[in-house]
All heavy atoms as atom14 arrays in JSON, in Angstrom:
{
  "sequence": "LIEPINGRDMPGYFLHRQAEAHAIVQEVGAPNLKVQLDLYHCQIV",
  "atom14_mask": [
    [1, 1, 1, 1, 1, 1, 1, 1, 0, 0, 0, 0, 0, 0],
    [1, 1, 1, 1, 1, 1, 1, 1, 0, 0, 0, 0, 0, 0],
    [1, 1, 1, 1, 1, 1, 1, 1, 1, 0, 0, 0, 0, 0],
    [1, 1, 1, 1, 1, 1, 1, 0, 0, 0, 0, 0, 0, 0],
    [1, 1, 1, 1, 1, 1, 1, 1, 0, 0, 0, 0, 0, 0],
    [1, 1, 1, 1, 1, 1, 1, 1, 0, 0, 0, 0, 0, 0],
    [1, 1, 1, 1, 0, 0, 0, 0, 0, 0, 0, 0, 0, 0],
    [1, 1, 1, 1, 1, 1, 1, 1, 1, 1, 1, 0, 0, 0],
    [1, 1, 1, 1, 1, 1, 1, 1, 0, 0, 0, 0, 0, 0],
    [1, 1, 1, 1, 1, 1, 1, 1, 0, 0, 0, 0, 0, 0],
    [1, 1, 1, 1, 1, 1, 1, 0, 0, 0, 0, 0, 0, 0],
    [1, 1, 1, 1, 0, 0, 0, 0, 0, 0, 0, 0, 0, 0],
    [1, 1, 1, 1, 1, 1, 1, 1, 1, 1, 1, 1, 0, 0],
    [1, 1, 1, 1, 1, 1, 1, 1, 1, 1, 1, 0, 0, 0],
    [1, 1, 1, 1, 1, 1, 1, 1, 0, 0, 0, 0, 0, 0],
    [1, 1, 1, 1, 1, 1, 1, 1, 1, 1, 0, 0, 0, 0],
    [1, 1, 1, 1, 1, 1, 1, 1, 1, 1, 1, 0, 0, 0],
    [1, 1, 1, 1, 1, 1, 1, 1, 1, 0, 0, 0, 0, 0],
    [1, 1, 1, 1, 1, 0, 0, 0, 0, 0, 0, 0, 0, 0],
    [1, 1, 1, 1, 1, 1, 1, 1, 1, 0, 0, 0, 0, 0],
    [1, 1, 1, 1, 1, 0, 0, 0, 0, 0, 0, 0, 0, 0],
    [1, 1, 1, 1, 1, 1, 1, 1, 1, 1, 0, 0, 0, 0],
    [1, 1, 1, 1, 1, 0, 0, 0, 0, 0, 0, 0, 0, 0],
    [1, 1, 1, 1, 1, 1, 1, 1, 0, 0, 0, 0, 0, 0],
    [1, 1, 1, 1, 1, 1, 1, 0, 0, 0, 0, 0, 0, 0],
    [1, 1, 1, 1, 1, 1, 1, 1, 1, 0, 0, 0, 0, 0],
    [1, 1, 1, 1, 1, 1, 1, 1, 1, 0, 0, 0, 0, 0],
    [1, 1, 1, 1, 1, 1, 1, 0, 0, 0, 0, 0, 0, 0],
    [1, 1, 1, 1, 0, 0, 0, 0, 0, 0, 0, 0, 0, 0],
    [1, 1, 1, 1, 1, 0, 0, 0, 0, 0, 0, 0, 0, 0],
    [1, 1, 1, 1, 1, 1, 1, 0, 0, 0, 0, 0, 0, 0],
    [1, 1, 1, 1, 1, 1, 1, 1, 0, 0, 0, 0, 0, 0],
    [1, 1, 1, 1, 1, 1, 1, 1, 0, 0, 0, 0, 0, 0],
    [1, 1, 1, 1, 1, 1, 1, 1, 1, 0, 0, 0, 0, 0],
    [1, 1, 1, 1, 1, 1, 1, 0, 0, 0, 0, 0, 0, 0],
    [1, 1, 1, 1, 1, 1, 1, 1, 1, 0, 0, 0, 0, 0],
    [1, 1, 1, 1, 1, 1, 1, 1, 0, 0, 0, 0, 0, 0],
    [1, 1, 1, 1, 1, 1, 1, 1, 0, 0, 0, 0, 0, 0],
    [1, 1, 1, 1, 1, 1, 1, 1, 0, 0, 0, 0, 0, 0],
    [1, 1, 1, 1, 1, 1, 1, 1, 1, 1, 1, 1, 0, 0],
    [1, 1, 1, 1, 1, 1, 1, 1, 1, 1, 0, 0, 0, 0],
    [1, 1, 1, 1, 1, 1, 0, 0, 0, 0, 0, 0, 0, 0],
    [1, 1, 1, 1, 1, 1, 1, 1, 1, 0, 0, 0, 0, 0],
    [1, 1, 1, 1, 1, 1, 1, 1, 0, 0, 0, 0, 0, 0],
    [1, 1, 1, 1, 1, 1, 1, 0, 0, 0, 0, 0, 0, 0]
  ],
  "atom14_positions": [
    [[0.82, -1.19, 0.0], [0.0, 0.0, 0.0], [0.87, 1.25, 0.0], [1.94, 1.29, 0.61], [-0.9, 0.03, 1.24], [-1.79, -1.2, 1.48], [-2.61, -1.0, 2.74], [-2.69, -1.49, 0.29], [0.0, 0.0, 0.0], [0.0, 0.0, 0.0], [0.0, 0.0, 0.0], [0.0, 0.0, 0.0], [0.0, 0.0, 0.0], [0.0, 0.0, 0.0]],
    [[0.38, 2.29, -0.67], [0.99, 3.62, -0.59], [-0.09, 4.58, -0.11], [-1.26, 4.45, -0.46], [1.6, 4.07, -1.93], [0.54, 4.14, -3.04], [2.73, 3.13, -2.33], [1.06, 4.73, -4.34], [0.0, 0.0, 0.0], [0.0, 0.0, 0.0], [0.0, 0.0, 0.0], [0.0, 0.0, 0.0], [0.0, 0.0, 0.0], [0.0, 0.0, 0.0]],
    [[0.33, 5.58, 0.69], [-0.65, 6.44, 1.36], [-0.33, 7.91, 1.17], [0.75, 8.36, 1.58], [-0.67, 6.13, 2.86], [-1.63, 7.0, 3.65], [-1.49, 6.83, 5.15], [-0.43, 6.34, 5.61], [-2.43, 7.2, 5.86], [0.0, 0.0, 0.0], [0.0, 0.0, 0.0], [0.0, 0.0, 0.0], [0.0, 0.0, 0.0], [0.0, 0.0, 0.0]],
    [[-1.23, 8.68, 0.61], [-1.08, 10.14, 0.64], [-1.23, 10.66, 2.07], [-2.17, 10.29, 2.78], [-2.22, 10.63, -0.25], [-2.63, 9.45, -1.08], [-2.41, 8.26, -0.19], [0.0, 0.0, 0.0], [0.0, 0.0, 0.0], [0.0, 0.0, 0.0], [0.0, 0.0, 0.0], [0.0, 0.0, 0.0], [0.0, 0.0, 0.0], [0.0, 0.0, 0.0]],
    [[-0.3, 11.51, 2.49], [-0.27, 12.03, 3.86], [-0.25, 13.55, 3.81], [0.48, 14.14, 3.01], [0.95, 11.48, 4.61], [0.87, 9.95, 4.73], [1.07, 12.12, 6.0], [2.07, 9.31, 5.38], [0.0, 0.0, 0.0], [0.0, 0.0, 0.0], [0.0, 0.0, 0.0], [0.0, 0.0, 0.0], [0.0, 0.0, 0.0], [0.0, 0.0, 0.0]],
    [[-1.01, 14.18, 4.69], [-1.1, 15.63, 4.64], [0.19, 16.3, 5.09], [0.93, 15.78, 5.93], [-2.31, 16.13, 5.45], [-2.02, 16.22, 6.94], [-1.37, 17.16, 7.4], [-2.52, 15.24, 7.7], [0.0, 0.0, 0.0], [0.0, 0.0, 0.0], [0.0, 0.0, 0.0], [0.0, 0.0, 0.0], [0.0, 0.0, 0.0], [0.0, 0.0, 0.0]],
    [[0.46, 17.45, 4.5], [1.71, 18.16, 4.76], [1.75, 18.92, 6.07], [2.81, 19.4, 6.46], [0.0, 0.0, 0.0], [0.0, 0.0, 0.0], [0.0, 0.0, 0.0], [0.0, 0.0, 0.0], [0.0, 0.0, 0.0], [0.0, 0.0, 0.0], [0.0, 0.0, 0.0], [0.0, 0.0, 0.0], [0.0, 0.0, 0.0], [0.0, 0.0, 0.0]],
    [[0.63, 19.02, 6.75], [0.63, 19.64, 8.08], [1.22, 18.69, 9.11], [2.04, 19.08, 9.93], [-0.79, 20.04, 8.47], [-0.88, 20.8, 9.78], [-2.33, 21.16, 10.1], [-3.1, 19.98, 10.51], [-4.43, 19.93, 10.49], [-5.12, 20.96, 10.04], [-5.06, 18.85, 10.89], [0.0, 0.0, 0.0], [0.0, 0.0, 0.0], [0.0, 0.0, 0.0]],
    [[0.78, 17.43, 9.09], [1.29, 16.45, 10.03], [2.67, 15.95, 9.65], [3.46, 15.59, 10.52], [0.33, 15.25, 10.1], [-0.94, 15.55, 10.86], [-1.12, 16.72, 11.28], [-1.75, 14.63, 11.05], [0.0, 0.0, 0.0], [0.0, 0.0, 0.0], [0.0, 0.0, 0.0], [0.0, 0.0, 0.0], [0.0, 0.0, 0.0], [0.0, 0.0, 0.0]],
    [[2.95, 15.89, 8.36], [4.22, 15.35, 7.89], [4.76, 16.23, 6.76], [4.67, 15.89, 5.58], [4.05, 13.9, 7.41], [5.34, 13.1, 7.36], [5.05, 11.33, 7.01], [4.31, 10.81, 8.57], [0.0, 0.0, 0.0], [0.0, 0.0, 0.0], [0.0, 0.0, 0.0], [0.0, 0.0, 0.0], [0.0, 0.0, 0.0], [0.0, 0.0, 0.0]],
    [[5.32, 17.39, 7.1], [5.82, 18.31, 6.07], [6.87, 17.65, 5.17], [7.77, 16.96, 5.65], [6.44, 19.45, 6.89], [5.77, 19.37, 8.22], [5.51, 17.91, 8.46], [0.0, 0.0, 0.0], [0.0, 0.0, 0.0], [0.0, 0.0, 0.0], [0.0, 0.0, 0.0], [0.0, 0.0, 0.0], [0.0, 0.0, 0.0], [0.0, 0.0, 0.0]],
    [[6.72, 17.86, 3.88], [7.69, 17.35, 2.93], [7.45, 15.94, 2.45], [8.22, 15.43, 1.62], [0.0, 0.0, 0.0], [0.0, 0.0, 0.0], [0.0, 0.0, 0.0], [0.0, 0.0, 0.0], [0.0, 0.0, 0.0], [0.0, 0.0, 0.0], [0.0, 0.0, 0.0], [0.0, 0.0, 0.0], [0.0, 0.0, 0.0], [0.0, 0.0, 0.0]],
    [[6.39, 15.29, 2.94], [6.16, 13.91, 2.48], [5.92, 13.89, 0.97], [5.25, 14.77, 0.43], [4.98, 13.29, 3.23], [4.9, 11.79, 3.05], [5.82, 10.96, 3.65], [3.91, 11.22, 2.25], [5.77, 9.58, 3.48], [3.85, 9.84, 2.08], [4.79, 9.03, 2.7], [4.75, 7.67, 2.5], [0.0, 0.0, 0.0], [0.0, 0.0, 0.0]],
    [[6.43, 12.87, 0.33], [6.43, 12.82, -1.13], [5.04, 12.8, -1.73], [4.79, 13.37, -2.8], [7.22, 11.6, -1.6], [7.25, 11.42, -3.09], [8.12, 12.17, -3.87], [6.39, 10.54, -3.73], [8.14, 12.03, -5.26], [6.39, 10.39, -5.1], [7.27, 11.14, -5.86], [0.0, 0.0, 0.0], [0.0, 0.0, 0.0], [0.0, 0.0, 0.0]],
    [[4.1, 12.13, -1.06], [2.8, 11.85, -1.65], [1.71, 12.53, -0.83], [1.57, 12.27, 0.37], [2.58, 10.33, -1.67], [1.47, 9.75, -2.53], [1.69, 10.08, -4.0], [1.39, 8.24, -2.32], [0.0, 0.0, 0.0], [0.0, 0.0, 0.0], [0.0, 0.0, 0.0], [0.0, 0.0, 0.0], [0.0, 0.0, 0.0], [0.0, 0.0, 0.0]],
    [[0.91, 13.39, -1.48], [-0.12, 14.16, -0.77], [-1.54, 13.85, -1.22], [-2.45, 13.85, -0.4], [0.11, 15.67, -0.96], [1.31, 16.21, -0.28], [1.42, 16.26, 1.08], [2.45, 16.72, -0.78], [2.59, 16.79, 1.41], [3.23, 17.07, 0.3], [0.0, 0.0, 0.0], [0.0, 0.0, 0.0], [0.0, 0.0, 0.0], [0.0, 0.0, 0.0]],
    [[-1.76, 13.65, -2.5], [-3.11, 13.64, -3.04], [-3.5, 12.26, -3.57], [-2.67, 11.49, -4.05], [-3.25, 14.69, -4.14], [-2.88, 16.11, -3.69], [-3.18, 17.15, -4.75], [-4.62, 17.3, -4.93], [-5.39, 18.12, -4.21], [-4.86, 18.88, -3.26], [-6.68, 18.21, -4.44], [0.0, 0.0, 0.0], [0.0, 0.0, 0.0], [0.0, 0.0, 0.0]],
    [[-4.81, 11.99, -3.49], [-5.32, 10.69, -3.93], [-5.04, 10.44, -5.42], [-4.64, 9.34, -5.8], [-6.83, 10.61, -3.67], [-7.21, 10.78, -2.21], [-6.54, 9.79, -1.29], [-6.54, 8.59, -1.55], [-5.97, 10.29, -0.21], [0.0, 0.0, 0.0], [0.0, 0.0, 0.0], [0.0, 0.0, 0.0], [0.0, 0.0, 0.0], [0.0, 0.0, 0.0]],
    [[-5.23, 11.45, -6.25], [-5.02, 11.26, -7.68], [-3.57, 10.88, -7.98], [-3.3, 10.07, -8.88], [-5.4, 12.53, -8.45], [0.0, 0.0, 0.0], [0.0, 0.0, 0.0], [0.0, 0.0, 0.0], [0.0, 0.0, 0.0], [0.0, 0.0, 0.0], [0.0, 0.0, 0.0], [0.0, 0.0, 0.0], [0.0, 0.0, 0.0], [0.0, 0.0, 0.0]],
    [[-2.64, 11.47, -7.23], [-1.22, 11.13, -7.42], [-0.97, 9.66, -7.09], [-0.25, 8.97, -7.81], [-0.35, 12.02, -6.53], [-0.4, 13.5, -6.87], [0.28, 14.35, -5.82], [0.5, 13.86, -4.7], [0.57, 15.52, -6.13], [0.0, 0.0, 0.0], [0.0, 0.0, 0.0], [0.0, 0.0, 0.0], [0.0, 0.0, 0.0], [0.0, 0.0, 0.0]],
    [[-1.55, 9.22, -5.99], [-1.36, 7.83, -5.59], [-1.95, 6.87, -6.6], [-1.33, 5.86, -6.97], [-1.97, 7.6, -4.21], [0.0, 0.0, 0.0], [0.0, 0.0, 0.0], [0.0, 0.0, 0.0], [0.0, 0.0, 0.0], [0.0, 0.0, 0.0], [0.0, 0.0, 0.0], [0.0, 0.0, 0.0], [0.0, 0.0, 0.0], [0.0, 0.0, 0.0]],
    [[-3.15, 7.16, -7.07], [-3.79, 6.28, -8.05], [-3.02, 6.27, -9.37], [-2.92, 5.23, -10.04], [-5.24, 6.69, -8.26], [-6.14, 6.23, -7.14], [-6.81, 5.04, -7.17], [-6.43, 6.81, -5.95], [-7.5, 4.89, -6.06], [-7.29, 5.96, -5.3], [0.0, 0.0, 0.0], [0.0, 0.0, 0.0], [0.0, 0.0, 0.0], [0.0, 0.0, 0.0]],
    [[-2.46, 7.42, -9.75], [-1.66, 7.47, -10.98], [-0.43, 6.59, -10.85], [-0.05, 5.89, -11.8], [-1.27, 8.91, -11.28], [0.0, 0.0, 0.0], [0.0, 0.0, 0.0], [0.0, 0.0, 0.0], [0.0, 0.0, 0.0], [0.0, 0.0, 0.0], [0.0, 0.0, 0.0], [0.0, 0.0, 0.0], [0.0, 0.0, 0.0], [0.0, 0.0, 0.0]],
    [[0.21, 6.61, -9.69], [1.39, 5.77, -9.48], [1.03, 4.3, -9.51], [1.72, 3.48, -10.14], [2.07, 6.17, -8.15], [2.78, 7.52, -8.32], [3.06, 5.1, -7.69], [3.24, 8.14, -7.04], [0.0, 0.0, 0.0], [0.0, 0.0, 0.0], [0.0, 0.0, 0.0], [0.0, 0.0, 0.0], [0.0, 0.0, 0.0], [0.0, 0.0, 0.0]],
    [[-0.06, 3.94, -8.85], [-0.5, 2.55, -8.86], [-0.76, 2.08, -10.29], [-0.35, 0.98, -10.69], [-1.76, 2.38, -7.98], [-2.44, 1.03, -8.24], [-1.39, 2.51, -6.5], [0.0, 0.0, 0.0], [0.0, 0.0, 0.0], [0.0, 0.0, 0.0], [0.0, 0.0, 0.0], [0.0, 0.0, 0.0], [0.0, 0.0, 0.0], [0.0, 0.0, 0.0]],
    [[-1.43, 2.9, -11.07], [-1.72, 2.53, -12.45], [-0.45, 2.46, -13.29], [-0.32, 1.58, -14.16], [-2.71, 3.52, -13.05], [-4.12, 3.41, -12.46], [-5.06, 4.44, -13.04], [-4.97, 5.63, -12.74], [-5.99, 3.99, -13.86], [0.0, 0.0, 0.0], [0.0, 0.0, 0.0], [0.0, 0.0, 0.0], [0.0, 0.0, 0.0], [0.0, 0.0, 0.0]],
    [[0.49, 3.36, -13.05], [1.72, 3.36, -13.83], [2.58, 2.14, -13.52], [3.16, 1.53, -14.41], [2.52, 4.64, -13.56], [3.66, 4.87, -14.53], [4.21, 6.28, -14.46], [3.51, 7.17, -13.93], [5.34, 6.48, -14.93], [0.0, 0.0, 0.0], [0.0, 0.0, 0.0], [0.0, 0.0, 0.0], [0.0, 0.0, 0.0], [0.0, 0.0, 0.0]],
    [[2.65, 1.77, -12.25], [3.41, 0.56, -11.89], [2.72, -0.67, -12.47], [3.38, -1.59, -12.98], [3.55, 0.45, -10.36], [4.17, -0.9, -9.97], [4.43, 1.59, -9.83], [0.0, 0.0, 0.0], [0.0, 0.0, 0.0], [0.0, 0.0, 0.0], [0.0, 0.0, 0.0], [0.0, 0.0, 0.0], [0.0, 0.0, 0.0], [0.0, 0.0, 0.0]],
    [[1.41, -0.71, -12.37], [0.65, -1.77, -13.03], [0.65, -3.11, -12.33], [0.28, -4.11, -12.94], [0.0, 0.0, 0.0], [0.0, 0.0, 0.0], [0.0, 0.0, 0.0], [0.0, 0.0, 0.0], [0.0, 0.0, 0.0], [0.0, 0.0, 0.0], [0.0, 0.0, 0.0], [0.0, 0.0, 0.0], [0.0, 0.0, 0.0], [0.0, 0.0, 0.0]],
    [[1.05, -3.14, -11.07], [1.04, -4.4, -10.32], [-0.3, -4.56, -9.61], [-0.72, -3.66, -8.89], [2.17, -4.41, -9.31], [0.0, 0.0, 0.0], [0.0, 0.0, 0.0], [0.0, 0.0, 0.0], [0.0, 0.0, 0.0], [0.0, 0.0, 0.0], [0.0, 0.0, 0.0], [0.0, 0.0, 0.0], [0.0, 0.0, 0.0], [0.0, 0.0, 0.0]],
    [[-0.99, -5.68, -9.79], [-2.31, -5.83, -9.18], [-2.31, -5.83, -7.66], [-3.36, -5.6, -7.04], [-2.82, -7.17, -9.74], [-1.59, -7.89, -10.18], [-0.62, -6.86, -10.6], [0.0, 0.0, 0.0], [0.0, 0.0, 0.0], [0.0, 0.0, 0.0], [0.0, 0.0, 0.0], [0.0, 0.0, 0.0], [0.0, 0.0, 0.0], [0.0, 0.0, 0.0]],
    [[-1.15, -6.08, -7.05], [-1.08, -6.11, -5.59], [-0.5, -4.81, -5.01], [-0.12, -4.77, -3.84], [-0.28, -7.3, -5.1], [1.19, -7.24, -5.52], [1.52, -6.79, -6.62], [2.08, -7.7, -4.66], [0.0, 0.0, 0.0], [0.0, 0.0, 0.0], [0.0, 0.0, 0.0], [0.0, 0.0, 0.0], [0.0, 0.0, 0.0], [0.0, 0.0, 0.0]],
    [[-0.42, -3.76, -5.81], [-0.06, -2.43, -5.32], [-1.33, -1.59, -5.26], [-2.0, -1.41, -6.27], [0.97, -1.76, -6.23], [1.4, -0.35, -5.81], [2.11, -0.37, -4.46], [2.28, 0.28, -6.88], [0.0, 0.0, 0.0], [0.0, 0.0, 0.0], [0.0, 0.0, 0.0], [0.0, 0.0, 0.0], [0.0, 0.0, 0.0], [0.0, 0.0, 0.0]],
    [[-1.66, -1.1, -4.05], [-2.93, -0.4, -3.86], [-2.74, 0.86, -3.03], [-1.66, 1.13, -2.51], [-3.94, -1.35, -3.21], [-4.25, -2.57, -4.07], [-5.31, -3.46, -3.48], [-5.62, -4.64, -4.4], [-6.69, -5.51, -3.85], [0.0, 0.0, 0.0], [0.0, 0.0, 0.0], [0.0, 0.0, 0.0], [0.0, 0.0, 0.0], [0.0, 0.0, 0.0]],
    [[-3.83, 1.6, -2.9], [-3.82, 2.86, -2.17], [-4.4, 2.65, -0.78], [-5.4, 1.96, -0.6], [-4.63, 3.94, -2.92], [-4.7, 5.23, -2.1], [-4.01, 4.21, -4.29], [0.0, 0.0, 0.0], [0.0, 0.0, 0.0], [0.0, 0.0, 0.0], [0.0, 0.0, 0.0], [0.0, 0.0, 0.0], [0.0, 0.0, 0.0], [0.0, 0.0, 0.0]],
    [[-3.76, 3.26, 0.2], [-4.26, 3.32, 1.56], [-4.92, 4.68, 1.73], [-4.25, 5.71, 1.78], [-3.1, 3.15, 2.53], [-3.46, 3.16, 4.0], [-2.25, 2.8, 4.85], [-1.5, 1.87, 4.51], [-2.03, 3.52, 5.92], [0.0, 0.0, 0.0], [0.0, 0.0, 0.0], [0.0, 0.0, 0.0], [0.0, 0.0, 0.0], [0.0, 0.0, 0.0]],
    [[-6.23, 4.7, 1.79], [-7.0, 5.94, 1.84], [-7.32, 6.28, 3.29], [-8.21, 5.68, 3.91], [-8.28, 5.8, 1.02], [-9.33, 6.92, 1.15], [-8.74, 8.29, 0.91], [-10.49, 6.65, 0.18], [0.0, 0.0, 0.0], [0.0, 0.0, 0.0], [0.0, 0.0, 0.0], [0.0, 0.0, 0.0], [0.0, 0.0, 0.0], [0.0, 0.0, 0.0]],
    [[-6.58, 7.21, 3.84], [-6.81, 7.7, 5.19], [-7.73, 8.92, 5.07], [-7.33, 9.96, 4.55], [-5.48, 8.06, 5.85], [-5.64, 8.4, 7.32], [-6.62, 9.07, 7.67], [-4.76, 8.01, 8.12], [0.0, 0.0, 0.0], [0.0, 0.0, 0.0], [0.0, 0.0, 0.0], [0.0, 0.0, 0.0], [0.0, 0.0, 0.0], [0.0, 0.0, 0.0]],
    [[-8.94, 8.78, 5.57], [-9.93, 9.84, 5.41], [-9.54, 11.1, 6.19], [-9.93, 12.21, 5.81], [-11.3, 9.33, 5.84], [-11.84, 8.18, 4.97], [-13.11, 7.61, 5.58], [-12.09, 8.63, 3.55], [0.0, 0.0, 0.0], [0.0, 0.0, 0.0], [0.0, 0.0, 0.0], [0.0, 0.0, 0.0], [0.0, 0.0, 0.0], [0.0, 0.0, 0.0]],
    [[-8.77, 10.94, 7.26], [-8.26, 12.1, 8.0], [-7.32, 12.92, 7.12], [-7.49, 14.13, 6.96], [-7.54, 11.59, 9.26], [-6.66, 12.61, 9.94], [-7.2, 13.59, 10.77], [-5.28, 12.58, 9.76], [-6.38, 14.52, 11.41], [-4.46, 13.49, 10.4], [-5.01, 14.46, 11.22], [-4.19, 15.38, 11.84], [0.0, 0.0, 0.0], [0.0, 0.0, 0.0]],
    [[-6.32, 12.27, 6.53], [-5.38, 12.99, 5.66], [-6.1, 13.57, 4.44], [-5.85, 14.71, 4.05], [-4.27, 12.05, 5.19], [-3.34, 11.62, 6.28], [-2.65, 12.52, 7.06], [-2.96, 10.39, 6.7], [-1.89, 11.86, 7.93], [-2.08, 10.57, 7.73], [0.0, 0.0, 0.0], [0.0, 0.0, 0.0], [0.0, 0.0, 0.0], [0.0, 0.0, 0.0]],
    [[-6.99, 12.8, 3.87], [-7.68, 13.23, 2.65], [-8.54, 14.46, 2.92], [-8.58, 15.4, 2.11], [-8.52, 12.09, 2.1], [-9.31, 12.45, 0.52], [0.0, 0.0, 0.0], [0.0, 0.0, 0.0], [0.0, 0.0, 0.0], [0.0, 0.0, 0.0], [0.0, 0.0, 0.0], [0.0, 0.0, 0.0], [0.0, 0.0, 0.0], [0.0, 0.0, 0.0]],
    [[-9.24, 14.48, 4.06], [-10.07, 15.64, 4.38], [-9.22, 16.89, 4.53], [-9.61, 17.98, 4.06], [-10.84, 15.37, 5.68], [-11.61, 16.56, 6.23], [-12.78, 16.99, 5.36], [-13.13, 16.33, 4.4], [-13.39, 18.11, 5.73], [0.0, 0.0, 0.0], [0.0, 0.0, 0.0], [0.0, 0.0, 0.0], [0.0, 0.0, 0.0], [0.0, 0.0, 0.0]],
    [[-8.06, 16.78, 5.15], [-7.2, 17.95, 5.35], [-6.65, 18.46, 4.02], [-6.59, 19.67, 3.78], [-6.06, 17.61, 6.33], [-6.63, 17.38, 7.74], [-4.99, 18.7, 6.35], [-5.64, 16.83, 8.72], [0.0, 0.0, 0.0], [0.0, 0.0, 0.0], [0.0, 0.0, 0.0], [0.0, 0.0, 0.0], [0.0, 0.0, 0.0], [0.0, 0.0, 0.0]],
    [[-6.28, 17.56, 3.13], [-5.64, 17.97, 1.88], [-6.65, 18.41, 0.84], [-6.47, 19.44, 0.17], [-4.77, 16.82, 1.32], [-4.2, 17.19, -0.05], [-3.64, 16.49, 2.29], [0.0, 0.0, 0.0], [0.0, 0.0, 0.0], [0.0, 0.0, 0.0], [0.0, 0.0, 0.0], [0.0, 0.0, 0.0], [0.0, 0.0, 0.0], [0.0, 0.0, 0.0]]
  ]
}
């Protein structure tokens, strides 16, 4: 799993937004690579 994390709690983290995470998952193309959707982080971002 890869997780977008908000920049307030973790400044500088590489991945912030859901669309970015889904684009990476699709680009890698591995069926066992998925997104961890944290509704707390997503609401803030």
